[in-house]
Amino acid sequence: MFWGNKELKPERVSYLKVEKSSMPFASSKWKRYCGDEGAMRLLTNQTVSIEKDAYGLSPKKPPEPKETKAERKERMRKEEIQRYIAKKQWEQAKEEAKAKEAADRAAGIPPEPPIGETPDSLLPWFDLRDMPKSMRKMGYKVGAELLERWFTGKAYTIPADKKIRFSLTNHPIEENLVTLSWARKFGNMENLFKKLLNESVYVEAASPIIRKKVEPVITQDFLGNTFKPVWNTSNFLQDRQVFHKDWQFQYVLFSALDTVSTGQAITKTPTDLTVAVAGGGLYAAIGVVEVDGPKYYEYDNSNALKRYCFEPTVKLTHVYIYLMDDFEFNAKPGEKKSQYLGHWNEHGVIMSYVAYISDVDRKSRVFDSTWGTSPFMGDVEGSKYVLHTDRGPVTVKSQAVYYPIFNITFENWRKKHGHGQDFTIITKPELYKLKKPVVFKIQKICKPWEPMKL
């Protein structure tokens, strides 16, 4: 490989990599490599492969026919022409880059680091379908299992429109790989769980929702002579999507930052929960309800009628709590570019530092940078290049070549293979007793008028 202008020492772009601590019991953290330790952007047409099918099998290729001497000579002649054309194109690209650098310098724009040219034949191959293997090597076991499920399922795209997606209860769902107790071990999740259970269920806005859901049940039971002073929603847990739609009344949302390891700012690293779920919600649903209140007859003496009435006081004593999120790789409304998911190879992942920052600005808003004016800020397109993190030459066995992967990469794979199934993660709802019940009254219920017995 060679580096554009041979007289200049090639600059390298900054990247982040999770480094495990050598100290016992110490957590891992992001380490930023920059300057001479940074990564070289490679000019290549090779991208992450999407050839392997849903089960990780490569398509079978027919055996190459044996070449005659004349055919071999003609092939070598064509390859020589292609190399000549590629060289000319590269020289032209260098000239254009040199002119752009001069124009940028005149305009006060920091120059982009040069790009290394690498023949595609020298690059190690990496297929998107092998990402779960890489994730397992990094300890992301649950995330890898979820991604395996996405690959093997028949193609299904969850609707991007929130009104549509939340009105449907027929999405494929995953009920076993993620549990609430497991999720609570990561990042800020335990604090959010306690906030939901001890604070959010009591906010004033929650009571009307609870009332709207329980009032028809209490009314129907009283009028149908099946009144129960204590009842619960456990019989509705078989279909978790329907249960969520019918009985959920409060939630706390969380982002990927709530799932990462403890630490400060950029040192926080992704956990298995970050990879598996990223952001989603913790939800509270009606669990156990106690109903009491005066029951009495009302009389219409003029018409010799009576009716039996009930003024219920409702106590919500227990709630079900569960985690829910969609596992998908779809474009979000308002995005200007596909979400960057890191640079991957068969050994793991790195994050282009500027790509990591600029990804915050995927939507149509101006990103107010708080990262200063370091030289790496000029690499605004850092995520689109293949990156090489070693100082030595690239080889087909290199462990240091990383391919950029985006949401659109998965969408392209889905279109090609007819698999790639979006699904909704819903953990098993777990029942918790409230520190104090949510208490409210509902309107008086009366049975139909009936004749008084004389």
Protein backbone atom coordinates (compact mmCIF):
# COMPACT_ATOMS: atom_id res chain seq x y z
CA MET A 1 0.00 0.00 0.00
CA PHE A 2 1.14 3.61 -0.32
CA TRP A 3 0.01 6.93 1.08
CA GLY A 4 -0.89 9.60 -1.46
CA ASN A 5 2.01 12.02 -0.96
CA LYS A 6 5.02 9.87 -0.05
CA GLU A 7 6.95 12.86 1.22
CA LEU A 8 4.47 13.44 4.03
CA LYS A 9 4.09 11.22 7.06
CA PRO A 10 0.43 10.13 6.91
CA GLU A 11 -1.79 11.48 9.68
CA ARG A 12 -4.21 9.12 11.36
CA VAL A 13 -7.79 9.59 12.48
CA SER A 14 -8.90 9.19 16.07
CA TYR A 15 -10.85 6.16 17.18
CA LEU A 16 -12.16 4.61 20.37
CA LYS A 17 -11.63 1.04 21.52
CA VAL A 18 -12.77 -0.75 24.65
CA GLU A 19 -9.74 -1.72 26.71
CA LYS A 20 -9.96 -4.18 29.57
CA SER A 21 -8.22 -3.11 32.74
CA SER A 22 -5.19 -5.05 33.94
CA MET A 23 -6.27 -4.39 37.54
CA PRO A 24 -8.43 -7.06 39.24
CA PHE A 25 -12.14 -6.20 39.41
CA ALA A 26 -11.57 -2.93 37.54
CA SER A 27 -14.05 -2.16 34.76
CA SER A 28 -13.11 -1.73 31.14
CA LYS A 29 -13.18 1.70 29.52
CA TRP A 30 -12.97 3.43 26.18
CA LYS A 31 -9.47 4.39 25.17
CA ARG A 32 -9.00 7.05 22.51
CA TYR A 33 -6.20 6.53 20.00
CA CYS A 34 -5.17 9.65 18.16
CA GLY A 35 -2.20 11.24 16.43
CA ASP A 36 0.44 8.66 15.55
CA GLU A 37 -1.64 5.99 17.34
CA GLY A 38 -4.74 6.71 15.27
CA ALA A 39 -6.20 4.69 12.42
CA MET A 40 -5.51 5.10 8.71
CA ARG A 41 -8.48 5.51 6.40
CA LEU A 42 -8.23 3.10 3.48
CA LEU A 43 -9.32 3.99 -0.03
CA THR A 44 -11.02 0.81 -1.21
CA ASN A 45 -14.20 -0.34 -2.89
CA GLN A 46 -14.42 -3.31 -0.57
CA THR A 47 -17.07 -3.12 2.14
CA VAL A 48 -18.41 -5.52 4.71
CA SER A 49 -19.72 -8.56 2.86
CA ILE A 50 -23.44 -9.42 2.88
CA GLU A 51 -23.03 -12.70 0.99
CA LYS A 52 -23.65 -15.21 3.78
CA ASP A 53 -27.27 -16.28 4.21
CA ALA A 54 -29.47 -16.40 7.30
CA TYR A 55 -27.66 -19.47 8.62
CA GLY A 56 -24.15 -18.18 7.98
CA LEU A 57 -23.57 -20.17 4.82
CA SER A 58 -21.73 -18.70 1.85
CA PRO A 59 -23.35 -19.10 -1.57
CA LYS A 60 -21.90 -21.96 -3.54
CA LYS A 61 -19.98 -20.85 -6.59
CA PRO A 62 -19.55 -23.07 -9.64
CA PRO A 63 -15.95 -24.21 -10.20
CA GLU A 64 -13.90 -21.92 -12.38
CA PRO A 65 -13.36 -23.39 -15.86
CA LYS A 66 -9.74 -24.22 -16.63
CA GLU A 67 -8.05 -21.45 -18.60
CA THR A 68 -6.30 -22.00 -21.86
CA LYS A 69 -2.98 -20.24 -22.47
CA ALA A 70 -4.70 -17.73 -24.72
CA GLU A 71 -7.43 -17.03 -22.14
CA ARG A 72 -4.85 -16.57 -19.37
CA LYS A 73 -2.87 -14.16 -21.55
CA GLU A 74 -6.03 -12.17 -22.34
CA ARG A 75 -7.05 -12.07 -18.66
CA MET A 76 -3.62 -10.79 -17.61
CA ARG A 77 -3.77 -8.14 -20.35
CA LYS A 78 -7.17 -6.91 -19.07
CA GLU A 79 -5.95 -6.89 -15.47
CA GLU A 80 -2.94 -4.82 -16.51
CA ILE A 81 -5.27 -2.32 -18.20
CA GLN A 82 -7.44 -2.21 -15.08
CA ARG A 83 -4.39 -1.54 -12.90
CA TYR A 84 -3.30 1.23 -15.24
CA ILE A 85 -6.78 2.82 -15.12
CA ALA A 86 -6.89 2.48 -11.33
CA LYS A 87 -3.48 4.16 -11.05
CA LYS A 88 -4.62 7.05 -13.24
CA GLN A 89 -7.82 7.43 -11.22
CA TRP A 90 -5.80 7.44 -8.02
CA GLU A 91 -3.43 10.07 -9.37
CA GLN A 92 -6.41 12.19 -10.37
CA ALA A 93 -7.94 11.72 -6.91
CA LYS A 94 -4.64 12.85 -5.36
CA GLU A 95 -4.62 15.97 -7.48
CA GLU A 96 -8.24 16.72 -6.55
CA ALA A 97 -7.46 16.14 -2.89
CA LYS A 98 -4.44 18.44 -3.15
CA ALA A 99 -6.57 21.16 -4.75
CA LYS A 100 -9.28 20.72 -2.10
CA GLU A 101 -6.68 20.92 0.66
CA ALA A 102 -5.37 24.19 -0.78
CA ALA A 103 -8.89 25.60 -1.06
CA ASP A 104 -9.75 24.47 2.47
CA ARG A 105 -6.54 26.01 3.82
CA ALA A 106 -7.39 29.28 2.11
CA ALA A 107 -10.86 29.13 3.67
CA GLY A 108 -9.45 28.34 7.11
CA ILE A 109 -10.81 24.77 7.12
CA PRO A 110 -8.55 22.16 8.79
CA PRO A 111 -7.27 19.62 6.22
CA GLU A 112 -8.49 16.03 6.29
CA PRO A 113 -5.86 13.35 6.91
CA PRO A 114 -4.61 11.58 3.77
CA ILE A 115 -6.12 8.26 2.74
CA GLY A 116 -4.16 5.07 2.21
CA GLU A 117 -4.74 3.10 -0.95
CA THR A 118 -5.01 -0.66 -0.49
CA PRO A 119 -5.74 -3.18 -3.24
CA ASP A 120 -8.93 -5.04 -2.37
CA SER A 121 -7.09 -8.35 -2.68
CA LEU A 122 -5.02 -7.43 0.40
CA LEU A 123 -8.01 -6.76 2.66
CA PRO A 124 -9.27 -9.45 5.04
CA TRP A 125 -12.84 -10.52 4.38
CA PHE A 126 -15.57 -9.84 6.95
CA ASP A 127 -19.22 -10.78 6.52
CA LEU A 128 -22.09 -9.08 8.32
CA ARG A 129 -23.50 -12.48 9.27
CA ASP A 130 -20.39 -13.09 11.41
CA MET A 131 -21.11 -10.15 13.72
CA PRO A 132 -22.61 -12.39 16.44
CA LYS A 133 -19.27 -14.23 16.66
CA SER A 134 -17.48 -10.91 17.16
CA MET A 135 -20.01 -9.87 19.80
CA ARG A 136 -19.49 -13.08 21.75
CA LYS A 137 -15.72 -12.52 21.75
CA MET A 138 -16.37 -9.15 23.39
CA GLY A 139 -18.69 -10.66 26.02
CA TYR A 140 -21.96 -9.48 24.45
CA LYS A 141 -23.62 -12.89 24.70
CA VAL A 142 -27.28 -11.83 24.94
CA GLY A 143 -26.82 -9.22 22.20
CA ALA A 144 -25.33 -11.93 19.98
CA GLU A 145 -28.29 -14.25 20.60
CA LEU A 146 -30.75 -11.49 19.70
CA LEU A 147 -28.86 -10.69 16.52
CA GLU A 148 -28.82 -14.39 15.60
CA ARG A 149 -32.60 -14.40 15.93
CA TRP A 150 -32.88 -11.32 13.71
CA PHE A 151 -30.78 -12.98 10.99
CA THR A 152 -32.65 -16.31 11.00
CA GLY A 153 -36.20 -14.93 11.15
CA LYS A 154 -38.23 -14.33 8.00
CA ALA A 155 -38.04 -10.72 6.76
CA TYR A 156 -40.25 -8.38 8.79
CA THR A 157 -39.99 -4.62 9.26
CA ILE A 158 -41.63 -2.99 12.26
CA PRO A 159 -43.49 0.16 11.10
CA ALA A 160 -41.52 3.36 11.67
CA ASP A 161 -44.68 5.35 12.45
CA LYS A 162 -45.14 5.15 16.24
CA LYS A 163 -48.94 5.39 16.08
CA ILE A 164 -49.05 2.38 13.78
CA ARG A 165 -46.44 0.32 15.59
CA PHE A 166 -48.07 0.81 19.01
CA SER A 167 -51.55 0.04 17.69
CA LEU A 168 -50.45 -3.38 16.41
CA THR A 169 -50.18 -6.41 18.66
CA ASN A 170 -48.91 -8.91 16.12
CA HIS A 171 -45.20 -8.11 15.98
CA PRO A 172 -42.89 -11.09 16.44
CA ILE A 173 -41.82 -10.98 20.09
CA GLU A 174 -38.88 -12.24 22.11
CA GLU A 175 -39.83 -13.27 25.66
CA ASN A 176 -36.91 -15.25 27.06
CA LEU A 177 -33.46 -13.91 26.19
CA VAL A 178 -33.75 -10.71 28.24
CA THR A 179 -35.06 -10.56 31.81
CA LEU A 180 -35.84 -7.59 34.03
CA SER A 181 -33.62 -8.80 36.87
CA TRP A 182 -30.69 -9.13 34.42
CA ALA A 183 -31.27 -5.67 32.93
CA ARG A 184 -31.32 -4.05 36.39
CA LYS A 185 -27.66 -4.99 36.90
CA PHE A 186 -26.39 -2.53 34.30
CA GLY A 187 -25.61 1.18 34.39
CA ASN A 188 -28.42 3.35 35.72
CA MET A 189 -31.16 0.77 35.25
CA GLU A 190 -31.67 -0.02 38.95
CA ASN A 191 -32.20 3.67 39.70
CA LEU A 192 -34.74 3.96 36.88
CA PHE A 193 -36.52 0.84 38.12
CA LYS A 194 -36.81 2.35 41.62
CA LYS A 195 -37.98 5.66 40.15
CA LEU A 196 -40.77 3.89 38.29
CA LEU A 197 -41.85 1.77 41.26
CA ASN A 198 -41.50 4.38 44.00
CA GLU A 199 -42.26 7.66 42.22
CA SER A 200 -43.68 7.53 38.70
CA VAL A 201 -46.64 5.25 39.50
CA TYR A 202 -47.88 7.89 41.95
CA VAL A 203 -47.84 10.93 39.67
CA GLU A 204 -51.21 12.59 39.26
CA ALA A 205 -51.45 11.77 35.56
CA ALA A 206 -51.31 8.01 36.25
CA SER A 207 -54.51 7.73 38.30
CA PRO A 208 -56.94 8.63 35.48
CA ILE A 209 -55.32 5.97 33.28
CA ILE A 210 -55.65 3.35 36.04
CA ARG A 211 -59.26 4.40 36.66
CA LYS A 212 -60.11 4.13 32.96
CA LYS A 213 -58.75 0.57 32.85
CA VAL A 214 -60.23 -0.85 36.07
CA GLU A 215 -63.64 0.86 36.12
CA PRO A 216 -65.18 -1.27 33.31
CA VAL A 217 -63.99 -4.46 35.05
CA ILE A 218 -65.43 -3.51 38.43
CA THR A 219 -68.69 -2.34 36.83
CA GLN A 220 -69.08 -5.54 34.82
CA ASP A 221 -68.32 -7.74 37.83
CA PHE A 222 -70.78 -5.94 40.08
CA LEU A 223 -73.59 -5.92 37.54
CA GLY A 224 -72.91 -9.53 36.60
CA ASN A 225 -72.95 -10.77 40.21
CA THR A 226 -69.29 -11.83 39.97
CA PHE A 227 -67.89 -9.08 42.19
CA LYS A 228 -64.50 -9.85 43.72
CA PRO A 229 -63.05 -7.70 46.52
CA VAL A 230 -59.53 -8.58 45.33
CA TRP A 231 -58.58 -9.37 41.73
CA ASN A 232 -55.45 -9.42 39.61
CA THR A 233 -54.39 -9.41 35.97
CA SER A 234 -52.31 -12.59 36.03
CA ASN A 235 -54.77 -14.38 33.71
CA PHE A 236 -53.90 -11.92 30.95
CA LEU A 237 -50.14 -12.52 30.91
CA GLN A 238 -50.20 -15.19 28.20
CA ASP A 239 -50.13 -12.58 25.41
CA ARG A 240 -47.66 -9.93 26.52
CA GLN A 241 -48.41 -7.52 23.69
CA VAL A 242 -52.13 -7.53 24.49
CA PHE A 243 -51.33 -7.34 28.21
CA HIS A 244 -49.20 -4.25 27.56
CA LYS A 245 -51.92 -2.59 25.50
CA ASP A 246 -54.70 -3.34 28.02
CA TRP A 247 -53.05 -2.89 31.42
CA GLN A 248 -49.92 -0.70 31.13
CA PHE A 249 -50.36 2.74 32.72
CA GLN A 250 -46.92 4.25 33.38
CA TYR A 251 -43.36 4.06 32.06
CA VAL A 252 -39.83 5.37 32.37
CA LEU A 253 -37.76 5.62 29.19
CA PHE A 254 -34.05 4.88 29.13
CA SER A 255 -31.32 5.58 26.60
CA ALA A 256 -28.12 3.76 25.73
CA LEU A 257 -26.33 6.03 28.22
CA ASP A 258 -28.37 4.42 31.02
CA THR A 259 -27.14 0.95 30.05
CA VAL A 260 -23.39 1.56 29.75
CA SER A 261 -20.81 0.76 32.39
CA THR A 262 -20.34 3.09 35.32
CA GLY A 263 -17.75 5.78 34.93
CA GLN A 264 -17.50 9.28 33.59
CA ALA A 265 -18.32 10.66 30.16
CA ILE A 266 -16.51 8.97 27.29
CA THR A 267 -14.90 6.33 29.54
CA LYS A 268 -18.25 4.54 29.90
CA THR A 269 -18.33 1.44 27.74
CA PRO A 270 -21.17 -0.53 26.16
CA THR A 271 -22.46 -3.47 28.17
CA ASP A 272 -24.31 -6.53 26.96
CA LEU A 273 -27.55 -4.63 27.68
CA THR A 274 -26.37 -1.71 25.53
CA VAL A 275 -25.81 -4.06 22.61
CA ALA A 276 -28.99 -6.07 23.26
CA VAL A 277 -31.46 -3.26 23.88
CA ALA A 278 -29.71 0.15 23.73
CA GLY A 279 -32.70 2.36 24.61
CA GLY A 280 -36.25 1.40 25.49
CA GLY A 281 -38.68 1.60 28.36
CA LEU A 282 -39.47 0.16 31.78
CA TYR A 283 -43.24 -0.21 32.06
CA ALA A 284 -45.68 -0.53 34.96
CA ALA A 285 -48.99 -2.35 34.50
CA ILE A 286 -51.90 -2.98 36.82
CA GLY A 287 -51.25 -6.04 38.99
CA VAL A 288 -53.43 -6.53 42.08
CA VAL A 289 -56.50 -4.44 42.85
CA GLU A 290 -58.55 -4.28 46.04
CA VAL A 291 -62.11 -2.93 45.83
CA ASP A 292 -64.25 -1.87 48.79
CA GLY A 293 -66.96 0.63 49.60
CA PRO A 294 -70.54 0.98 50.80
CA LYS A 295 -73.27 -1.12 49.16
CA TYR A 296 -76.90 -0.20 49.68
CA TYR A 297 -80.37 -0.13 48.16
CA GLU A 298 -81.96 2.95 46.69
CA TYR A 299 -85.74 3.11 46.67
CA ASP A 300 -88.34 4.72 44.41
CA ASN A 301 -91.37 4.44 46.65
CA SER A 302 -93.72 6.18 44.24
CA ASN A 303 -93.12 3.42 41.69
CA ALA A 304 -92.46 0.64 44.21
CA LEU A 305 -88.95 0.08 42.77
CA LYS A 306 -85.54 -0.53 44.27
CA ARG A 307 -81.99 -0.98 43.01
CA TYR A 308 -78.72 -2.17 44.51
CA CYS A 309 -75.82 0.34 44.37
CA PHE A 310 -72.12 0.38 45.10
CA GLU A 311 -69.69 3.26 45.65
CA PRO A 312 -66.27 1.65 45.02
CA THR A 313 -62.99 2.73 46.49
CA VAL A 314 -60.12 1.20 44.53
CA LYS A 315 -56.67 0.36 45.87
CA LEU A 316 -53.91 -0.64 43.47
CA THR A 317 -51.57 -2.61 45.74
CA HIS A 318 -49.26 -4.40 43.29
CA VAL A 319 -47.93 -3.62 39.82
CA TYR A 320 -46.24 -5.65 37.12
CA ILE A 321 -42.99 -4.18 35.82
CA TYR A 322 -41.25 -5.24 32.61
CA LEU A 323 -38.84 -3.99 29.97
CA MET A 324 -39.88 -3.52 26.37
CA ASP A 325 -38.07 -2.37 23.23
CA ASP A 326 -38.00 -3.06 19.50
CA PHE A 327 -34.98 -4.88 18.06
CA GLU A 328 -34.60 -3.39 14.59
CA PHE A 329 -32.22 -1.54 12.28
CA ASN A 330 -34.61 0.86 10.56
CA ALA A 331 -34.28 4.52 9.65
CA LYS A 332 -35.90 6.90 12.11
CA PRO A 333 -38.07 9.83 10.97
CA GLY A 334 -36.02 12.94 10.22
CA GLU A 335 -32.65 11.22 9.94
CA LYS A 336 -30.26 12.71 7.41
CA LYS A 337 -28.08 9.60 7.32
CA SER A 338 -28.17 6.02 8.47
CA GLN A 339 -27.18 5.37 12.07
CA TYR A 340 -23.52 4.45 12.53
CA LEU A 341 -23.05 1.20 14.49
CA GLY A 342 -19.28 1.13 14.72
CA HIS A 343 -16.40 -0.37 12.75
CA TRP A 344 -16.36 -4.16 13.03
CA ASN A 345 -14.24 -7.15 12.17
CA GLU A 346 -14.17 -10.75 13.34
CA HIS A 347 -12.38 -9.76 16.55
CA GLY A 348 -14.57 -6.90 17.76
CA VAL A 349 -15.46 -3.26 17.27
CA ILE A 350 -13.93 0.21 17.37
CA MET A 351 -15.68 3.56 17.08
CA SER A 352 -14.52 6.29 14.75
CA TYR A 353 -14.26 9.17 17.23
CA VAL A 354 -15.69 11.82 14.96
CA ALA A 355 -18.27 9.40 13.55
CA TYR A 356 -19.33 8.73 17.13
CA ILE A 357 -19.82 12.45 17.72
CA SER A 358 -21.36 13.30 14.36
CA ASP A 359 -23.81 10.42 14.73
CA VAL A 360 -25.50 12.49 17.40
CA ASP A 361 -26.47 14.80 14.54
CA ARG A 362 -28.26 12.19 12.41
CA LYS A 363 -31.47 14.20 12.67
CA SER A 364 -32.22 17.60 11.19
CA ARG A 365 -30.71 19.76 13.87
CA VAL A 366 -27.41 21.52 14.39
CA PHE A 367 -25.01 19.69 16.67
CA ASP A 368 -23.53 22.06 19.21
CA SER A 369 -20.11 20.50 19.72
CA THR A 370 -18.75 20.43 23.25
CA TRP A 371 -15.63 18.56 22.21
CA GLY A 372 -13.38 21.51 21.49
CA THR A 373 -11.45 22.24 18.32
CA SER A 374 -9.02 19.33 18.13
CA PRO A 375 -7.67 18.48 14.64
CA PHE A 376 -9.70 15.26 14.46
CA MET A 377 -12.85 17.38 14.18
CA GLY A 378 -12.03 17.86 10.50
CA ASP A 379 -12.77 14.20 9.75
CA VAL A 380 -16.51 14.75 9.39
CA GLU A 381 -16.87 11.74 7.07
CA GLY A 382 -14.76 9.41 9.17
CA SER A 383 -17.41 6.74 9.47
CA LYS A 384 -17.59 5.86 5.78
CA TYR A 385 -13.99 4.61 5.40
CA VAL A 386 -12.48 1.23 6.16
CA LEU A 387 -10.01 1.80 9.01
CA HIS A 388 -6.62 0.18 9.64
CA THR A 389 -5.30 0.55 13.19
CA ASP A 390 -1.84 -1.06 12.87
CA ARG A 391 1.39 0.68 11.95
CA GLY A 392 2.46 -2.08 9.56
CA PRO A 393 1.14 -3.01 6.12
CA VAL A 394 -2.32 -4.45 5.53
CA THR A 395 -2.47 -8.19 4.93
CA VAL A 396 -5.29 -10.65 4.35
CA LYS A 397 -4.67 -11.96 7.89
CA SER A 398 -4.72 -8.53 9.50
CA GLN A 399 -6.75 -8.25 12.69
CA ALA A 400 -6.60 -4.47 12.50
CA VAL A 401 -8.84 -3.75 9.50
CA TYR A 402 -12.33 -2.65 10.54
CA TYR A 403 -15.39 -2.14 8.33
CA PRO A 404 -18.02 0.56 8.98
CA ILE A 405 -21.52 -0.79 9.59
CA PHE A 406 -24.75 1.20 9.55
CA ASN A 407 -28.44 0.45 9.91
CA ILE A 408 -28.69 0.54 6.12
CA THR A 409 -26.17 -2.35 5.97
CA PHE A 410 -28.71 -4.60 7.70
CA GLU A 411 -31.53 -3.37 5.48
CA ASN A 412 -29.48 -4.22 2.38
CA TRP A 413 -28.81 -7.69 3.81
CA ARG A 414 -32.55 -8.19 4.44
CA LYS A 415 -33.45 -7.23 0.87
CA LYS A 416 -30.86 -9.64 -0.48
CA HIS A 417 -31.73 -12.70 1.61
CA GLY A 418 -35.44 -12.43 2.50
CA HIS A 419 -34.60 -12.79 6.20
CA GLY A 420 -33.99 -10.20 8.90
CA GLN A 421 -36.93 -10.17 11.28
CA ASP A 422 -37.59 -7.16 13.49
CA PHE A 423 -39.16 -8.14 16.80
CA THR A 424 -40.28 -6.66 20.09
CA ILE A 425 -38.46 -7.62 23.27
CA ILE A 426 -40.88 -7.94 26.20
CA THR A 427 -39.47 -9.36 29.39
CA LYS A 428 -41.59 -11.49 31.70
CA PRO A 429 -43.67 -9.06 33.83
CA GLU A 430 -42.61 -9.27 37.48
CA LEU A 431 -45.05 -8.47 40.30
CA TYR A 432 -44.06 -5.89 42.95
CA LYS A 433 -45.94 -4.60 45.96
CA LEU A 434 -46.23 -0.82 46.18
CA LYS A 435 -44.88 0.91 49.28
CA LYS A 436 -48.33 2.49 49.56
CA PRO A 437 -51.38 1.71 47.43
CA VAL A 438 -52.72 4.04 44.78
CA VAL A 439 -56.20 4.89 46.07
CA PHE A 440 -59.08 6.52 44.21
CA LYS A 441 -62.87 6.38 43.88
CA ILE A 442 -64.90 5.56 40.81
CA GLN A 443 -68.44 6.59 40.04
CA LYS A 444 -71.38 4.92 41.73
CA ILE A 445 -72.59 1.69 40.14
CA CYS A 446 -76.22 0.63 40.37
CA LYS A 447 -78.01 -2.47 39.16
CA PRO A 448 -81.27 -2.06 37.19
CA TRP A 449 -84.42 -1.04 39.03
CA GLU A 450 -86.57 -3.94 40.19
CA PRO A 451 -89.99 -4.18 41.85
CA MET A 452 -90.10 -4.11 45.62
CA LYS A 453 -91.53 -7.21 47.19
CA LEU A 454 -94.67 -6.33 49.12
